[in-house]
Amino acid sequence: MSKSARATAKDVARASGVSQTTVSFVLNGAAGHVSQETRERVRQAARELGYVPNGSAQALRKGASRIVLLNIEGIPTGSSLGSYIRGLDAELAAHDHVLLVLHGHLSSQALSDVAQAVSARAVIDLGDAGHADAIVADAEPPLDAFSAQAGVPIRYLIARGHRHIATAMPDTPELQALAGLRERLIRQATHAAGLPDCPKLVLPGSLGDAQELLRAFRAAHPEVTAVLAYNDDLALLTLAAMRHIGLRAPEDLAVIGFDDTPHGALFSPALTTVHLDAEAIGRIAARGALGLPVADTTPEPARVIVRESA
């Protein structure tokens, strides 16, 4: 960017490694849900670039209302997100606040406009591709829980003799931020355990396409003996694709999902999955959004629900 060009929020976001939504919240006083370290990084980038928020951005400020916004664009509500929302809502209600959940495909500016319109106390944006810096990294207990969520199934698989583990991730654009975070944590867990790198199997929603991709993946990675999927839905798609190409679980490939959704137990073979105390994480997020101490709220450790697939 030339010296004569006016710095934009996009420039600040790129320089500080966060989303434009996070930049807007930090620089306009609505950053109660953002970590102190992230706030300082954004402010430093803004100073170095000479960025000055425009009038509409300045209108977004920490509101006086008792409304907290949660944006969950594109995220399936049937997963552990449902428990997360219950915990978030219950904790906010205990402190006389109201949760407003947004499901739409909102731009950063549109989300800012909504926050301004309701004079939101805080915004938790799970739909933004930069949500990881704004949500997961802003409080140590949630980050510890997400890390355990990756490490627990890895240790389970190692105990059963697996050394070559793959990840199964969605190709849905709306889930890329969450899937990318989970994949990074799985890779960190495998590296910490001294295992080889995890190859990634990217699966679409179509069973026919999933079959062919799985067939090609098996040919390219015959050493893989276990698949750790992004969530239960993707794990079940993997199992269905395996059945169609003549593979058995767990004999040919062990498969583990995440979220402990009820339908996983109804499949054959029944799905082994990871249970996460998402409700407690939601309560922690609520307390963080309100600027309250989170030390008294501790999620239960993640655990593997052992069934037939792994």
Protein backbone atom coordinates (compact mmCIF):
# COMPACT_ATOMS: atom_id res chain seq x y z
CA MET A 1 0.00 0.00 0.00
CA SER A 2 1.44 3.38 -0.98
CA LYS A 3 1.93 6.06 1.64
CA SER A 4 -0.69 8.24 -0.03
CA ALA A 5 -3.37 5.57 0.07
CA ARG A 6 -5.79 5.72 2.98
CA ALA A 7 -5.57 2.65 5.18
CA THR A 8 -8.74 0.60 5.45
CA ALA A 9 -10.14 -1.80 8.03
CA LYS A 10 -9.20 -4.60 5.62
CA ASP A 11 -5.56 -3.45 5.76
CA VAL A 12 -5.63 -3.46 9.56
CA ALA A 13 -7.24 -6.91 9.60
CA ARG A 14 -4.56 -8.29 7.26
CA ALA A 15 -1.72 -6.72 9.25
CA SER A 16 -2.99 -7.96 12.61
CA GLY A 17 -4.13 -11.39 11.40
CA VAL A 18 -7.79 -11.04 12.42
CA SER A 19 -11.14 -10.48 10.71
CA GLN A 20 -12.57 -7.12 9.65
CA THR A 21 -15.40 -7.68 12.12
CA THR A 22 -12.89 -8.01 14.94
CA VAL A 23 -11.12 -4.83 13.81
CA SER A 24 -14.43 -2.98 13.85
CA PHE A 25 -15.29 -4.21 17.34
CA VAL A 26 -11.85 -3.42 18.78
CA LEU A 27 -11.51 0.07 17.34
CA ASN A 28 -15.08 1.11 18.12
CA GLY A 29 -15.49 -0.01 21.71
CA ALA A 30 -17.51 -3.23 21.32
CA ALA A 31 -14.69 -5.70 21.97
CA GLY A 32 -15.72 -7.23 25.29
CA HIS A 33 -15.52 -10.70 23.72
CA VAL A 34 -12.02 -10.18 22.24
CA SER A 35 -8.84 -11.07 24.11
CA GLN A 36 -6.61 -8.29 25.44
CA GLU A 37 -3.71 -9.59 23.34
CA THR A 38 -5.81 -9.42 20.16
CA ARG A 39 -7.03 -5.92 21.01
CA GLU A 40 -3.46 -4.67 21.44
CA ARG A 41 -2.39 -6.30 18.17
CA VAL A 42 -5.23 -4.61 16.27
CA ARG A 43 -4.58 -1.21 17.84
CA GLN A 44 -0.86 -1.46 17.10
CA ALA A 45 -1.55 -2.31 13.45
CA ALA A 46 -3.98 0.60 13.20
CA ARG A 47 -1.41 3.00 14.64
CA GLU A 48 1.32 1.81 12.30
CA LEU A 49 -0.93 2.09 9.25
CA GLY A 50 -2.42 5.42 10.30
CA TYR A 51 -5.93 4.00 10.12
CA VAL A 52 -8.83 6.23 11.19
CA PRO A 53 -12.33 4.64 11.45
CA ASN A 54 -14.96 6.24 9.26
CA GLY A 55 -18.18 7.68 10.59
CA SER A 56 -20.31 4.59 10.16
CA ALA A 57 -17.73 2.43 11.89
CA GLN A 58 -17.51 4.87 14.76
CA ALA A 59 -21.24 4.45 15.25
CA LEU A 60 -20.64 0.87 16.41
CA ARG A 61 -19.88 1.17 20.11
CA LYS A 62 -20.38 -0.80 23.28
CA GLY A 63 -24.07 -0.45 23.89
CA ALA A 64 -26.01 0.21 27.02
CA SER A 65 -28.63 -2.45 26.32
CA ARG A 66 -28.75 -5.90 27.85
CA ILE A 67 -28.63 -7.66 24.49
CA VAL A 68 -25.81 -9.95 23.37
CA LEU A 69 -25.71 -10.93 19.70
CA LEU A 70 -24.65 -14.39 18.54
CA ASN A 71 -24.06 -14.87 14.82
CA ILE A 72 -24.03 -18.55 13.75
CA GLU A 73 -24.16 -18.21 9.98
CA GLY A 74 -23.91 -21.58 8.24
CA ILE A 75 -23.23 -23.66 11.36
CA PRO A 76 -25.49 -26.71 11.92
CA THR A 77 -27.55 -26.17 15.08
CA GLY A 78 -28.01 -29.91 15.58
CA SER A 79 -24.43 -30.31 16.73
CA SER A 80 -22.88 -29.33 20.05
CA LEU A 81 -23.70 -25.76 19.05
CA GLY A 82 -27.16 -26.37 20.50
CA SER A 83 -25.66 -27.09 23.92
CA TYR A 84 -23.35 -24.10 23.52
CA ILE A 85 -26.31 -21.82 22.88
CA ARG A 86 -28.24 -23.24 25.86
CA GLY A 87 -25.31 -22.52 28.16
CA LEU A 88 -24.76 -19.07 26.69
CA ASP A 89 -28.44 -18.18 27.00
CA ALA A 90 -28.76 -19.52 30.55
CA GLU A 91 -25.71 -17.65 31.82
CA LEU A 92 -26.77 -14.39 30.16
CA ALA A 93 -30.28 -14.76 31.63
CA ALA A 94 -28.76 -15.27 35.08
CA HIS A 95 -27.21 -11.80 34.69
CA ASP A 96 -30.39 -10.23 33.29
CA HIS A 97 -29.21 -10.19 29.67
CA VAL A 98 -30.97 -11.41 26.54
CA LEU A 99 -29.41 -13.50 23.77
CA LEU A 100 -30.30 -12.62 20.18
CA VAL A 101 -29.24 -15.32 17.68
CA LEU A 102 -28.65 -14.35 14.05
CA HIS A 103 -28.77 -17.04 11.35
CA GLY A 104 -28.41 -14.91 8.22
CA HIS A 105 -25.50 -14.43 5.82
CA LEU A 106 -24.37 -11.08 7.19
CA SER A 107 -21.44 -9.00 6.02
CA SER A 108 -19.21 -7.38 8.62
CA GLN A 109 -20.95 -4.07 7.99
CA ALA A 110 -24.42 -5.60 8.26
CA LEU A 111 -23.51 -7.25 11.56
CA SER A 112 -22.15 -3.92 12.78
CA ASP A 113 -25.40 -2.24 11.74
CA VAL A 114 -27.46 -4.76 13.70
CA ALA A 115 -25.23 -4.32 16.75
CA GLN A 116 -25.70 -0.56 16.49
CA ALA A 117 -29.45 -0.83 16.01
CA VAL A 118 -29.96 -2.84 19.19
CA SER A 119 -27.13 -1.12 21.07
CA ALA A 120 -25.62 -4.56 21.73
CA ARG A 121 -23.63 -5.14 24.89
CA ALA A 122 -21.39 -7.61 23.02
CA VAL A 123 -21.21 -9.62 19.80
CA ILE A 124 -20.08 -13.23 19.48
CA ASP A 125 -19.48 -13.96 15.81
CA LEU A 126 -19.20 -17.68 15.06
CA GLY A 127 -20.12 -17.11 11.42
CA ASP A 128 -17.09 -14.97 10.57
CA ALA A 129 -14.10 -16.67 8.94
CA GLY A 130 -11.98 -14.88 11.53
CA HIS A 131 -13.99 -16.10 14.51
CA ALA A 132 -11.14 -18.13 15.97
CA ASP A 133 -9.24 -15.03 17.02
CA ALA A 134 -12.37 -13.39 18.41
CA ILE A 135 -13.95 -16.31 20.21
CA VAL A 136 -11.76 -19.31 20.86
CA ALA A 137 -8.53 -17.52 21.69
CA ASP A 138 -10.03 -14.89 23.98
CA ALA A 139 -10.41 -17.11 27.04
CA GLU A 140 -8.15 -19.91 28.18
CA PRO A 141 -10.82 -22.38 29.38
CA PRO A 142 -12.57 -22.62 25.97
CA LEU A 143 -9.25 -22.99 24.20
CA ASP A 144 -8.22 -25.72 26.63
CA ALA A 145 -11.51 -27.49 25.96
CA PHE A 146 -11.11 -27.34 22.20
CA SER A 147 -7.53 -28.59 22.50
CA ALA A 148 -8.67 -31.51 24.66
CA GLN A 149 -11.37 -32.23 22.11
CA ALA A 150 -8.64 -32.94 19.56
CA GLY A 151 -6.21 -34.70 21.88
CA VAL A 152 -8.66 -37.14 23.49
CA PRO A 153 -9.56 -39.10 20.31
CA ILE A 154 -5.93 -39.09 19.18
CA ARG A 155 -4.88 -40.75 22.43
CA TYR A 156 -7.77 -43.19 22.11
CA LEU A 157 -6.68 -44.22 18.62
CA ILE A 158 -3.02 -44.52 19.62
CA ALA A 159 -4.00 -46.83 22.48
CA ARG A 160 -5.63 -49.07 19.88
CA GLY A 161 -2.53 -49.26 17.74
CA HIS A 162 -3.22 -46.59 15.12
CA ARG A 163 -0.22 -44.59 13.90
CA HIS A 164 -1.48 -43.13 10.62
CA ILE A 165 -4.57 -41.00 11.18
CA ALA A 166 -6.38 -38.86 8.60
CA THR A 167 -8.85 -36.02 9.05
CA ALA A 168 -12.15 -35.77 7.18
CA MET A 169 -13.19 -32.16 6.63
CA PRO A 170 -16.18 -30.53 4.88
CA ASP A 171 -15.98 -28.57 1.65
CA THR A 172 -18.77 -26.23 2.82
CA PRO A 173 -17.51 -22.61 2.68
CA GLU A 174 -19.51 -21.57 5.76
CA LEU A 175 -17.70 -24.17 7.89
CA GLN A 176 -14.16 -23.46 6.77
CA ALA A 177 -13.19 -21.40 9.82
CA LEU A 178 -14.41 -23.97 12.35
CA ALA A 179 -13.11 -26.89 10.30
CA GLY A 180 -9.73 -25.19 9.90
CA LEU A 181 -9.47 -24.64 13.65
CA ARG A 182 -10.34 -28.26 14.43
CA GLU A 183 -7.91 -29.54 11.82
CA ARG A 184 -5.07 -27.43 13.26
CA LEU A 185 -5.76 -28.72 16.76
CA ILE A 186 -5.82 -32.33 15.52
CA ARG A 187 -2.51 -31.79 13.75
CA GLN A 188 -1.02 -30.30 16.90
CA ALA A 189 -2.21 -33.30 18.91
CA THR A 190 -0.74 -35.80 16.44
CA HIS A 191 2.57 -33.95 16.31
CA ALA A 192 2.71 -33.83 20.11
CA ALA A 193 2.18 -37.60 20.14
CA GLY A 194 5.00 -38.15 17.66
CA LEU A 195 2.73 -39.30 14.83
CA PRO A 196 3.20 -38.52 11.12
CA ASP A 197 1.33 -35.66 9.50
CA CYS A 198 -2.41 -36.16 9.04
CA PRO A 199 -3.51 -36.30 5.41
CA LYS A 200 -6.83 -34.51 4.85
CA LEU A 201 -9.85 -36.03 3.13
CA VAL A 202 -12.21 -33.26 1.97
CA LEU A 203 -15.74 -34.57 1.52
CA PRO A 204 -18.80 -32.98 -0.12
CA GLY A 205 -22.36 -33.63 0.98
CA SER A 206 -23.08 -35.99 -1.93
CA LEU A 207 -22.64 -39.69 -1.17
CA GLY A 208 -21.72 -40.46 -4.77
CA ASP A 209 -18.93 -37.90 -4.83
CA ALA A 210 -17.80 -38.95 -1.35
CA GLN A 211 -17.39 -42.55 -2.54
CA GLU A 212 -15.08 -41.60 -5.37
CA LEU A 213 -13.05 -39.20 -3.23
CA LEU A 214 -12.66 -41.83 -0.54
CA ARG A 215 -11.61 -44.44 -3.10
CA ALA A 216 -8.95 -42.07 -4.48
CA PHE A 217 -7.82 -41.14 -0.98
CA ARG A 218 -7.36 -44.79 -0.01
CA ALA A 219 -5.26 -45.39 -3.12
CA ALA A 220 -3.07 -42.38 -2.30
CA HIS A 221 -2.79 -43.13 1.44
CA PRO A 222 -2.95 -46.91 1.99
CA GLU A 223 -1.11 -46.51 5.30
CA VAL A 224 -4.06 -44.67 6.95
CA THR A 225 -5.98 -46.86 9.39
CA ALA A 226 -8.20 -44.29 11.13
CA VAL A 227 -10.22 -41.21 10.18
CA LEU A 228 -11.08 -38.42 12.59
CA ALA A 229 -13.99 -36.48 11.08
CA TYR A 230 -14.96 -32.84 11.60
CA ASN A 231 -18.32 -33.82 13.09
CA ASP A 232 -20.72 -36.75 13.40
CA ASP A 233 -22.47 -35.94 10.10
CA LEU A 234 -19.22 -36.13 8.18
CA ALA A 235 -18.19 -39.29 10.05
CA LEU A 236 -21.49 -40.94 9.06
CA LEU A 237 -20.97 -39.85 5.45
CA THR A 238 -17.52 -41.47 5.63
CA LEU A 239 -19.03 -44.71 6.95
CA ALA A 240 -21.69 -44.71 4.23
CA ALA A 241 -19.07 -44.13 1.52
CA MET A 242 -16.94 -46.93 2.99
CA ARG A 243 -19.84 -49.36 2.79
CA HIS A 244 -20.44 -48.54 -0.87
CA ILE A 245 -16.83 -49.23 -1.86
CA GLY A 246 -16.51 -52.38 0.22
CA LEU A 247 -14.61 -51.10 3.27
CA ARG A 248 -15.48 -52.09 6.85
CA ALA A 249 -15.23 -50.10 10.07
CA PRO A 250 -13.21 -50.52 12.17
CA GLU A 251 -11.43 -53.41 10.37
CA ASP A 252 -10.33 -51.40 7.31
CA LEU A 253 -10.74 -47.89 8.69
CA ALA A 254 -11.65 -46.78 12.18
CA VAL A 255 -13.92 -43.73 12.11
CA ILE A 256 -14.56 -41.20 14.90
CA GLY A 257 -16.86 -38.19 14.82
CA PHE A 258 -17.33 -35.12 17.04
CA ASP A 259 -20.37 -33.75 18.90
CA ASP A 260 -22.05 -36.93 20.22
CA THR A 261 -25.26 -36.32 18.26
CA PRO A 262 -28.10 -38.83 18.90
CA HIS A 263 -28.28 -40.23 15.36
CA GLY A 264 -24.69 -41.52 15.55
CA ALA A 265 -25.84 -44.34 17.82
CA LEU A 266 -28.49 -45.41 15.30
CA PHE A 267 -26.11 -46.14 12.43
CA SER A 268 -24.57 -49.55 11.75
CA PRO A 269 -21.83 -49.74 12.81
CA ALA A 270 -22.72 -47.35 15.63
CA LEU A 271 -20.53 -44.26 15.52
CA THR A 272 -17.73 -43.70 18.01
CA THR A 273 -17.68 -39.98 18.77
CA VAL A 274 -16.30 -37.26 21.04
CA HIS A 275 -18.49 -35.62 23.66
CA LEU A 276 -17.72 -32.00 24.54
CA ASP A 277 -19.18 -30.01 27.43
CA ALA A 278 -20.36 -27.31 25.04
CA GLU A 279 -22.91 -25.93 27.49
CA ALA A 280 -20.16 -25.00 29.95
CA ILE A 281 -18.18 -23.41 27.12
CA GLY A 282 -21.27 -21.36 26.27
CA ARG A 283 -21.50 -20.19 29.88
CA ILE A 284 -17.84 -19.19 29.78
CA ALA A 285 -18.41 -17.26 26.56
CA ALA A 286 -21.33 -15.44 28.19
CA ARG A 287 -19.26 -14.45 31.21
CA GLY A 288 -16.43 -13.31 28.96
CA ALA A 289 -18.82 -11.20 26.88
CA LEU A 290 -20.09 -9.51 30.06
CA GLY A 291 -16.58 -8.98 31.44
CA LEU A 292 -17.15 -11.38 34.34
CA PRO A 293 -14.60 -13.81 35.82
CA VAL A 294 -14.64 -17.22 34.13
CA ALA A 295 -12.45 -19.16 36.57
CA ASP A 296 -15.44 -20.58 38.48
CA THR A 297 -16.87 -22.21 35.35
CA THR A 298 -14.88 -25.23 34.16
CA PRO A 299 -16.02 -27.56 31.36
CA GLU A 300 -15.96 -31.28 31.97
CA PRO A 301 -13.10 -32.97 30.10
CA ALA A 302 -13.87 -34.10 26.57
CA ARG A 303 -14.36 -37.86 26.32
CA VAL A 304 -14.70 -40.55 23.68
CA ILE A 305 -18.09 -42.25 23.48
CA VAL A 306 -16.98 -45.74 22.47
CA ARG A 307 -19.21 -47.59 20.02
CA GLU A 308 -18.54 -49.89 17.07
CA SER A 309 -16.86 -47.75 14.39
CA ALA A 310 -13.50 -47.30 16.18
